[in-house]
Amino acid sequence: MQKDILLTMQEDLERALIQSTDKRRWAMLIDVRKCVGCHACTIGCVSENKLPPKLQYRPVHEYEQGKYPLVSRTFLPRPCMQCDKPPCVPVCPKVGKATWKETKGTGAGIVPVNYSECISCGKCVKACPYGARTLDPGGFHTDGTPAVQQYEKLPAFEYGRKLARDGKGLPIRKARKCHFCLHRLAAGQLPMCVTTCIGRATYFGDENDPQSLIAQVKKGAKMQILKANKGTAPRVYYIANEKLEVLYV
């Protein structure tokens, strides 16, 4: 019986976590040939991070290519690219305090947001060419029903903090985005979107580790990145059967 790739990536993760920061490079690879458009990754992420309505860290976009009768349809998950040259960072009035490119600890390589320092100006939201940042609009999915369900008020644990969802405090009106489930990585767990993907289309790990599954898959396939012309050096890669036009516009 073939070993589930989640088990392999879990072993890769445990090995990566004992490596020093300067030797490790977190990356994500999405094989759109295997994505079935089920949106399980989106819903898993919403649940994990207690996201309000109209806010998604991991949306799955749908695109059509070609002309009848040669038409193809692609499902394209689009998390934060965790760019090595993130355009969202230098435009922040409180750069280095509200958002930055992390270089230390478990989250080295990730672009985080400090909700306590964010001033809700939205400049980073406009600067991101991938639409990966959103100002938290607040609210609950069960607003307008007889009662807001208690599971929506359970705390989130992003960035290792306990954030109460009381409808008033942090992170409402703050810039929010995917962070590769940093709190889960710190606990030795894979990002939620990786574990909920029924097609096993998402790979995650230390691409500097030649033994890791993501490094092996990346080596054996032709990679594409989203909006390469922007020069952002993203850490999210894509595999497709052909050149995806939607990745370049």
C-alpha atoms as a PDB file:
ATOM      1  CA  MET A   1       0.000   0.000   0.000  1.00  0.00           C
ATOM      2  CA  GLN A   2       1.400   3.381  -1.017  1.00  0.00           C
ATOM      3  CA  LYS A   3       2.220   5.775   1.790  1.00  0.00           C
ATOM      4  CA  ASP A   4       0.005   8.862   1.994  1.00  0.00           C
ATOM      5  CA  ILE A   5       2.016  11.943   1.048  1.00  0.00           C
ATOM      6  CA  LEU A   6       0.705  13.705   4.171  1.00  0.00           C
ATOM      7  CA  LEU A   7       2.698  11.274   6.287  1.00  0.00           C
ATOM      8  CA  THR A   8       5.789  11.940   4.209  1.00  0.00           C
ATOM      9  CA  MET A   9       5.352  15.713   4.511  1.00  0.00           C
ATOM     10  CA  GLN A  10       4.790  15.387   8.259  1.00  0.00           C
ATOM     11  CA  GLU A  11       8.125  13.602   8.559  1.00  0.00           C
ATOM     12  CA  ASP A  12       9.708  16.276   6.383  1.00  0.00           C
ATOM     13  CA  LEU A  13       8.257  18.962   8.648  1.00  0.00           C
ATOM     14  CA  GLU A  14       9.615  17.369  11.804  1.00  0.00           C
ATOM     15  CA  ARG A  15      13.048  17.137  10.221  1.00  0.00           C
ATOM     16  CA  ALA A  16      12.889  20.760   9.053  1.00  0.00           C
ATOM     17  CA  LEU A  17      11.929  22.109  12.466  1.00  0.00           C
ATOM     18  CA  ILE A  18      15.221  20.989  13.982  1.00  0.00           C
ATOM     19  CA  GLN A  19      17.202  22.775  11.268  1.00  0.00           C
ATOM     20  CA  SER A  20      18.597  26.249  11.918  1.00  0.00           C
ATOM     21  CA  THR A  21      16.717  29.138  10.359  1.00  0.00           C
ATOM     22  CA  ASP A  22      19.447  29.949   7.844  1.00  0.00           C
ATOM     23  CA  LYS A  23      19.293  26.426   6.416  1.00  0.00           C
ATOM     24  CA  ARG A  24      15.518  26.132   6.126  1.00  0.00           C
ATOM     25  CA  ARG A  25      13.243  27.569   3.428  1.00  0.00           C
ATOM     26  CA  TRP A  26       9.482  27.083   3.768  1.00  0.00           C
ATOM     27  CA  ALA A  27       7.690  26.796   0.438  1.00  0.00           C
ATOM     28  CA  MET A  28       4.380  25.611  -0.985  1.00  0.00           C
ATOM     29  CA  LEU A  29       3.754  23.886  -4.296  1.00  0.00           C
ATOM     30  CA  ILE A  30       0.277  23.480  -5.791  1.00  0.00           C
ATOM     31  CA  ASP A  31      -0.317  20.910  -8.525  1.00  0.00           C
ATOM     32  CA  VAL A  32      -3.375  22.327 -10.292  1.00  0.00           C
ATOM     33  CA  ARG A  33      -3.638  19.123 -12.320  1.00  0.00           C
ATOM     34  CA  LYS A  34      -4.830  17.446  -9.111  1.00  0.00           C
ATOM     35  CA  CYS A  35      -7.044  20.236  -7.778  1.00  0.00           C
ATOM     36  CA  VAL A  36     -10.728  19.297  -8.129  1.00  0.00           C
ATOM     37  CA  GLY A  37     -12.167  22.633  -7.015  1.00  0.00           C
ATOM     38  CA  CYS A  38     -13.760  21.230  -3.870  1.00  0.00           C
ATOM     39  CA  HIS A  39     -12.768  24.288  -1.763  1.00  0.00           C
ATOM     40  CA  ALA A  40     -11.946  22.050   1.222  1.00  0.00           C
ATOM     41  CA  CYS A  41      -8.717  24.003   1.697  1.00  0.00           C
ATOM     42  CA  THR A  42     -10.661  27.269   1.805  1.00  0.00           C
ATOM     43  CA  ILE A  43     -13.182  26.026   4.358  1.00  0.00           C
ATOM     44  CA  GLY A  44     -10.496  24.332   6.455  1.00  0.00           C
ATOM     45  CA  CYS A  45      -8.587  27.600   6.603  1.00  0.00           C
ATOM     46  CA  VAL A  46     -11.708  29.621   7.479  1.00  0.00           C
ATOM     47  CA  SER A  47     -12.427  27.217  10.345  1.00  0.00           C
ATOM     48  CA  GLU A  48      -8.824  27.061  11.569  1.00  0.00           C
ATOM     49  CA  ASN A  49      -8.355  30.825  11.656  1.00  0.00           C
ATOM     50  CA  LYS A  50     -11.939  31.783  12.586  1.00  0.00           C
ATOM     51  CA  LEU A  51     -12.274  34.032   9.546  1.00  0.00           C
ATOM     52  CA  PRO A  52     -15.335  36.276   9.220  1.00  0.00           C
ATOM     53  CA  PRO A  53     -17.558  36.496   6.135  1.00  0.00           C
ATOM     54  CA  LYS A  54     -15.928  37.937   2.985  1.00  0.00           C
ATOM     55  CA  LEU A  55     -12.417  37.096   4.170  1.00  0.00           C
ATOM     56  CA  GLN A  56     -10.493  34.101   2.867  1.00  0.00           C
ATOM     57  CA  TYR A  57      -6.799  33.342   3.168  1.00  0.00           C
ATOM     58  CA  ARG A  58      -6.976  30.533   0.623  1.00  0.00           C
ATOM     59  CA  PRO A  59      -9.531  31.301  -2.093  1.00  0.00           C
ATOM     60  CA  VAL A  60      -9.778  28.962  -5.078  1.00  0.00           C
ATOM     61  CA  HIS A  61     -10.312  30.846  -8.325  1.00  0.00           C
ATOM     62  CA  GLU A  62     -11.763  29.228 -11.437  1.00  0.00           C
ATOM     63  CA  TYR A  63     -10.592  30.032 -14.948  1.00  0.00           C
ATOM     64  CA  GLU A  64     -11.450  28.918 -18.468  1.00  0.00           C
ATOM     65  CA  GLN A  65      -8.896  28.838 -21.284  1.00  0.00           C
ATOM     66  CA  GLY A  66      -9.172  28.298 -24.999  1.00  0.00           C
ATOM     67  CA  LYS A  67     -12.006  28.559 -27.470  1.00  0.00           C
ATOM     68  CA  TYR A  68     -14.820  26.127 -28.198  1.00  0.00           C
ATOM     69  CA  PRO A  69     -14.490  23.219 -28.682  1.00  0.00           C
ATOM     70  CA  LEU A  70     -10.976  23.216 -27.171  1.00  0.00           C
ATOM     71  CA  VAL A  71     -11.779  24.628 -23.764  1.00  0.00           C
ATOM     72  CA  SER A  72     -10.103  23.780 -20.479  1.00  0.00           C
ATOM     73  CA  ARG A  73     -11.037  24.752 -16.940  1.00  0.00           C
ATOM     74  CA  THR A  74      -8.531  25.330 -14.148  1.00  0.00           C
ATOM     75  CA  PHE A  75      -9.007  25.593 -10.396  1.00  0.00           C
ATOM     76  CA  LEU A  76      -6.308  27.827  -8.937  1.00  0.00           C
ATOM     77  CA  PRO A  77      -5.807  28.093  -5.154  1.00  0.00           C
ATOM     78  CA  ARG A  78      -4.228  31.445  -4.310  1.00  0.00           C
ATOM     79  CA  PRO A  79      -2.810  31.793  -0.801  1.00  0.00           C
ATOM     80  CA  CYS A  80      -0.344  34.522   0.171  1.00  0.00           C
ATOM     81  CA  MET A  81       2.814  34.011  -1.886  1.00  0.00           C
ATOM     82  CA  GLN A  82       5.116  34.816   1.114  1.00  0.00           C
ATOM     83  CA  CYS A  83       7.249  36.813  -1.332  1.00  0.00           C
ATOM     84  CA  ASP A  84      10.950  37.286  -0.729  1.00  0.00           C
ATOM     85  CA  LYS A  85      10.467  40.781  -2.200  1.00  0.00           C
ATOM     86  CA  PRO A  86       7.001  41.601  -0.842  1.00  0.00           C
ATOM     87  CA  PRO A  87       5.567  44.879  -2.223  1.00  0.00           C
ATOM     88  CA  CYS A  88       3.113  44.982   0.690  1.00  0.00           C
ATOM     89  CA  VAL A  89       5.868  45.558   3.250  1.00  0.00           C
ATOM     90  CA  PRO A  90       7.615  48.821   2.230  1.00  0.00           C
ATOM     91  CA  VAL A  91       4.316  50.706   1.804  1.00  0.00           C
ATOM     92  CA  CYS A  92       3.333  50.084   5.428  1.00  0.00           C
ATOM     93  CA  PRO A  93       3.626  53.260   7.557  1.00  0.00           C
ATOM     94  CA  LYS A  94       4.796  51.048  10.410  1.00  0.00           C
ATOM     95  CA  VAL A  95       7.051  48.729   8.432  1.00  0.00           C
ATOM     96  CA  GLY A  96       9.008  46.427  10.708  1.00  0.00           C
ATOM     97  CA  LYS A  97       6.349  46.696  13.405  1.00  0.00           C
ATOM     98  CA  ALA A  98       3.028  45.997  11.664  1.00  0.00           C
ATOM     99  CA  THR A  99       4.394  43.808   8.868  1.00  0.00           C
ATOM    100  CA  TRP A 100       7.782  42.562   7.699  1.00  0.00           C
ATOM    101  CA  LYS A 101       9.660  39.647   6.148  1.00  0.00           C
ATOM    102  CA  GLU A 102      10.477  37.352   9.065  1.00  0.00           C
ATOM    103  CA  THR A 103      14.062  36.096   9.268  1.00  0.00           C
ATOM    104  CA  LYS A 104      14.071  34.287  12.601  1.00  0.00           C
ATOM    105  CA  GLY A 105      12.386  31.408  14.370  1.00  0.00           C
ATOM    106  CA  THR A 106       9.784  28.967  13.126  1.00  0.00           C
ATOM    107  CA  GLY A 107       8.255  31.555  10.816  1.00  0.00           C
ATOM    108  CA  ALA A 108      11.452  32.581   9.053  1.00  0.00           C
ATOM    109  CA  GLY A 109      10.566  33.435   5.440  1.00  0.00           C
ATOM    110  CA  ILE A 110       6.925  34.206   6.206  1.00  0.00           C
ATOM    111  CA  VAL A 111       5.432  37.718   5.907  1.00  0.00           C
ATOM    112  CA  PRO A 112       3.441  38.213   9.136  1.00  0.00           C
ATOM    113  CA  VAL A 113       1.096  40.931  10.407  1.00  0.00           C
ATOM    114  CA  ASN A 114       1.109  42.299  13.937  1.00  0.00           C
ATOM    115  CA  TYR A 115      -2.536  43.184  14.542  1.00  0.00           C
ATOM    116  CA  SER A 116      -1.653  45.353  17.551  1.00  0.00           C
ATOM    117  CA  GLU A 117       0.556  47.590  15.395  1.00  0.00           C
ATOM    118  CA  CYS A 118      -1.565  47.651  12.210  1.00  0.00           C
ATOM    119  CA  ILE A 119      -3.282  51.063  11.795  1.00  0.00           C
ATOM    120  CA  SER A 120      -5.886  49.792   9.284  1.00  0.00           C
ATOM    121  CA  CYS A 121      -4.759  52.150   6.506  1.00  0.00           C
ATOM    122  CA  GLY A 122      -5.110  49.471   3.824  1.00  0.00           C
ATOM    123  CA  LYS A 123      -1.985  50.481   1.892  1.00  0.00           C
ATOM    124  CA  CYS A 124      -0.616  46.941   2.005  1.00  0.00           C
ATOM    125  CA  VAL A 125      -3.932  45.590   0.706  1.00  0.00           C
ATOM    126  CA  LYS A 126      -3.689  47.784  -2.391  1.00  0.00           C
ATOM    127  CA  ALA A 127       0.033  47.044  -2.892  1.00  0.00           C
ATOM    128  CA  CYS A 128      -0.309  43.250  -3.033  1.00  0.00           C
ATOM    129  CA  PRO A 129      -0.515  42.196  -6.702  1.00  0.00           C
ATOM    130  CA  TYR A 130      -2.103  38.891  -5.691  1.00  0.00           C
ATOM    131  CA  GLY A 131      -5.036  40.235  -3.671  1.00  0.00           C
ATOM    132  CA  ALA A 132      -3.801  38.216  -0.705  1.00  0.00           C
ATOM    133  CA  ARG A 133      -4.473  40.847   1.964  1.00  0.00           C
ATOM    134  CA  THR A 134      -7.864  41.966   3.290  1.00  0.00           C
ATOM    135  CA  LEU A 135      -8.988  44.343   6.025  1.00  0.00           C
ATOM    136  CA  ASP A 136     -11.057  42.285   8.464  1.00  0.00           C
ATOM    137  CA  PRO A 137     -14.683  43.463   8.056  1.00  0.00           C
ATOM    138  CA  GLY A 138     -15.813  41.782  11.284  1.00  0.00           C
ATOM    139  CA  GLY A 139     -19.111  40.000  11.681  1.00  0.00           C
ATOM    140  CA  PHE A 140     -20.115  36.364  11.938  1.00  0.00           C
ATOM    141  CA  HIS A 141     -21.382  33.840   9.414  1.00  0.00           C
ATOM    142  CA  THR A 142     -24.507  33.327  11.498  1.00  0.00           C
ATOM    143  CA  ASP A 143     -25.373  37.034  11.746  1.00  0.00           C
ATOM    144  CA  GLY A 144     -29.052  37.513  10.904  1.00  0.00           C
ATOM    145  CA  THR A 145     -30.060  34.164  12.351  1.00  0.00           C
ATOM    146  CA  PRO A 146     -31.839  33.720  15.706  1.00  0.00           C
ATOM    147  CA  ALA A 147     -28.461  33.479  17.454  1.00  0.00           C
ATOM    148  CA  VAL A 148     -24.768  33.765  16.604  1.00  0.00           C
ATOM    149  CA  GLN A 149     -23.365  30.283  17.073  1.00  0.00           C
ATOM    150  CA  GLN A 150     -20.832  29.811  19.854  1.00  0.00           C
ATOM    151  CA  TYR A 151     -18.331  28.005  17.626  1.00  0.00           C
ATOM    152  CA  GLU A 152     -17.886  31.286  15.738  1.00  0.00           C
ATOM    153  CA  LYS A 153     -16.817  32.995  18.947  1.00  0.00           C
ATOM    154  CA  LEU A 154     -14.135  30.475  19.791  1.00  0.00           C
ATOM    155  CA  PRO A 155     -10.658  32.059  19.919  1.00  0.00           C
ATOM    156  CA  ALA A 156      -8.188  31.872  17.050  1.00  0.00           C
ATOM    157  CA  PHE A 157      -4.507  31.231  17.662  1.00  0.00           C
ATOM    158  CA  GLU A 158      -2.785  32.985  14.792  1.00  0.00           C
ATOM    159  CA  TYR A 159       0.871  33.876  15.325  1.00  0.00           C
ATOM    160  CA  GLY A 160       0.794  32.017  18.633  1.00  0.00           C
ATOM    161  CA  ARG A 161      -1.620  34.501  20.212  1.00  0.00           C
ATOM    162  CA  LYS A 162      -5.044  33.790  21.638  1.00  0.00           C
ATOM    163  CA  LEU A 163      -7.425  36.084  19.791  1.00  0.00           C
ATOM    164  CA  ALA A 164     -10.969  36.303  21.125  1.00  0.00           C
ATOM    165  CA  ARG A 165     -13.685  36.589  18.469  1.00  0.00           C
ATOM    166  CA  ASP A 166     -16.047  38.848  20.382  1.00  0.00           C
ATOM    167  CA  GLY A 167     -17.006  41.007  17.430  1.00  0.00           C
ATOM    168  CA  LYS A 168     -15.247  44.082  18.849  1.00  0.00           C
ATOM    169  CA  GLY A 169     -11.502  43.744  19.372  1.00  0.00           C
ATOM    170  CA  LEU A 170      -8.534  42.474  17.356  1.00  0.00           C
ATOM    171  CA  PRO A 171      -8.233  41.668  14.532  1.00  0.00           C
ATOM    172  CA  ILE A 172     -11.318  43.539  13.255  1.00  0.00           C
ATOM    173  CA  ARG A 173     -10.350  46.243  10.712  1.00  0.00           C
ATOM    174  CA  LYS A 174      -6.771  44.957  10.680  1.00  0.00           C
ATOM    175  CA  ALA A 175      -4.955  43.623   7.601  1.00  0.00           C
ATOM    176  CA  ARG A 176      -5.132  39.826   7.500  1.00  0.00           C
ATOM    177  CA  LYS A 177      -3.566  37.212   5.254  1.00  0.00           C
ATOM    178  CA  CYS A 178      -2.320  33.646   4.977  1.00  0.00           C
ATOM    179  CA  HIS A 179       0.746  32.916   7.094  1.00  0.00           C
ATOM    180  CA  PHE A 180       1.308  29.242   6.215  1.00  0.00           C
ATOM    181  CA  CYS A 181      -0.473  28.445   9.524  1.00  0.00           C
ATOM    182  CA  LEU A 182       2.525  29.604  11.540  1.00  0.00           C
ATOM    183  CA  HIS A 183       0.837  28.588  14.792  1.00  0.00           C
ATOM    184  CA  ARG A 184       0.446  25.045  13.475  1.00  0.00           C
ATOM    185  CA  LEU A 185       4.054  24.886  12.283  1.00  0.00           C
ATOM    186  CA  ALA A 186       5.161  25.885  15.778  1.00  0.00           C
ATOM    187  CA  ALA A 187       3.139  22.945  17.110  1.00  0.00           C
ATOM    188  CA  GLY A 188       4.708  20.553  14.591  1.00  0.00           C
ATOM    189  CA  GLN A 189       1.654  20.422  12.329  1.00  0.00           C
ATOM    190  CA  LEU A 190       1.268  21.004   8.595  1.00  0.00           C
ATOM    191  CA  PRO A 191      -0.792  23.988   7.381  1.00  0.00           C
ATOM    192  CA  MET A 192      -4.518  23.307   7.463  1.00  0.00           C
ATOM    193  CA  CYS A 193      -4.951  23.750   3.703  1.00  0.00           C
ATOM    194  CA  VAL A 194      -2.408  20.996   3.093  1.00  0.00           C
ATOM    195  CA  THR A 195      -4.106  18.478   5.354  1.00  0.00           C
ATOM    196  CA  THR A 196      -7.645  19.136   4.064  1.00  0.00           C
ATOM    197  CA  CYS A 197      -6.781  18.860   0.353  1.00  0.00           C
ATOM    198  CA  ILE A 198      -8.647  15.752  -0.821  1.00  0.00           C
ATOM    199  CA  GLY A 199      -6.719  15.627  -4.095  1.00  0.00           C
ATOM    200  CA  ARG A 200      -3.343  15.892  -2.323  1.00  0.00           C
ATOM    201  CA  ALA A 201      -2.633  18.780  -4.682  1.00  0.00           C
ATOM    202  CA  THR A 202      -0.747  20.904  -2.152  1.00  0.00           C
ATOM    203  CA  TYR A 203       2.827  20.226  -1.068  1.00  0.00           C
ATOM    204  CA  PHE A 204       4.573  22.000   1.788  1.00  0.00           C
ATOM    205  CA  GLY A 205       7.956  21.790   3.437  1.00  0.00           C
ATOM    206  CA  ASP A 206      11.571  22.855   3.413  1.00  0.00           C
ATOM    207  CA  GLU A 207      12.624  23.151  -0.211  1.00  0.00           C
ATOM    208  CA  ASN A 208      16.274  23.409   0.887  1.00  0.00           C
ATOM    209  CA  ASP A 209      16.068  19.815   2.140  1.00  0.00           C
ATOM    210  CA  PRO A 210      16.810  17.604  -0.901  1.00  0.00           C
ATOM    211  CA  GLN A 211      15.095  14.677   0.844  1.00  0.00           C
ATOM    212  CA  SER A 212      11.822  16.552   1.313  1.00  0.00           C
ATOM    213  CA  LEU A 213       8.881  15.672  -0.897  1.00  0.00           C
ATOM    214  CA  ILE A 214       8.397  19.253  -2.042  1.00  0.00           C
ATOM    215  CA  ALA A 215      12.035  19.466  -3.183  1.00  0.00           C
ATOM    216  CA  GLN A 216      11.752  16.191  -5.075  1.00  0.00           C
ATOM    217  CA  VAL A 217       8.474  17.146  -6.769  1.00  0.00           C
ATOM    218  CA  LYS A 218       9.831  20.578  -7.648  1.00  0.00           C
ATOM    219  CA  LYS A 219      12.960  19.040  -9.156  1.00  0.00           C
ATOM    220  CA  GLY A 220      10.964  16.632 -11.296  1.00  0.00           C
ATOM    221  CA  ALA A 221       8.448  19.093 -12.731  1.00  0.00           C
ATOM    222  CA  LYS A 222       8.367  22.376 -14.612  1.00  0.00           C
ATOM    223  CA  MET A 223       7.423  25.119 -12.184  1.00  0.00           C
ATOM    224  CA  GLN A 224       5.325  28.189 -12.855  1.00  0.00           C
ATOM    225  CA  ILE A 225       4.800  31.154 -10.554  1.00  0.00           C
ATOM    226  CA  LEU A 226       2.022  33.703 -10.337  1.00  0.00           C
ATOM    227  CA  LYS A 227       2.701  37.051 -12.034  1.00  0.00           C
ATOM    228  CA  ALA A 228       6.419  36.469 -12.469  1.00  0.00           C
ATOM    229  CA  ASN A 229       6.725  39.856 -14.166  1.00  0.00           C
ATOM    230  CA  LYS A 230       6.109  41.555 -10.802  1.00  0.00           C
ATOM    231  CA  GLY A 231       9.511  40.408  -9.529  1.00  0.00           C
ATOM    232  CA  THR A 232       8.213  39.502  -6.080  1.00  0.00           C
ATOM    233  CA  ALA A 233      10.075  36.162  -5.791  1.00  0.00           C
ATOM    234  CA  PRO A 234       7.121  34.168  -4.411  1.00  0.00           C
ATOM    235  CA  ARG A 235       7.518  31.007  -2.355  1.00  0.00           C
ATOM    236  CA  VAL A 236       4.365  29.428  -3.788  1.00  0.00           C
ATOM    237  CA  TYR A 237       4.858  27.452  -7.000  1.00  0.00           C
ATOM    238  CA  TYR A 238       2.425  25.853  -9.448  1.00  0.00           C
ATOM    239  CA  ILE A 239       2.484  22.782 -11.697  1.00  0.00           C
ATOM    240  CA  ALA A 240       0.178  22.462 -14.700  1.00  0.00           C
ATOM    241  CA  ASN A 241      -0.021  20.397 -17.868  1.00  0.00           C
ATOM    242  CA  GLU A 242       0.579  23.491 -19.950  1.00  0.00           C
ATOM    243  CA  LYS A 243       1.479  27.145 -19.591  1.00  0.00           C
ATOM    244  CA  LEU A 244      -1.345  28.708 -17.618  1.00  0.00           C
ATOM    245  CA  GLU A 245      -2.230  32.074 -19.096  1.00  0.00           C
ATOM    246  CA  VAL A 246      -3.949  33.109 -15.862  1.00  0.00           C
ATOM    247  CA  LEU A 247      -0.639  32.954 -14.014  1.00  0.00           C
ATOM    248  CA  TYR A 248       0.837  35.708 -16.113  1.00  0.00           C
ATOM    249  CA  VAL A 249      -1.885  38.353 -16.126  1.00  0.00           C
END
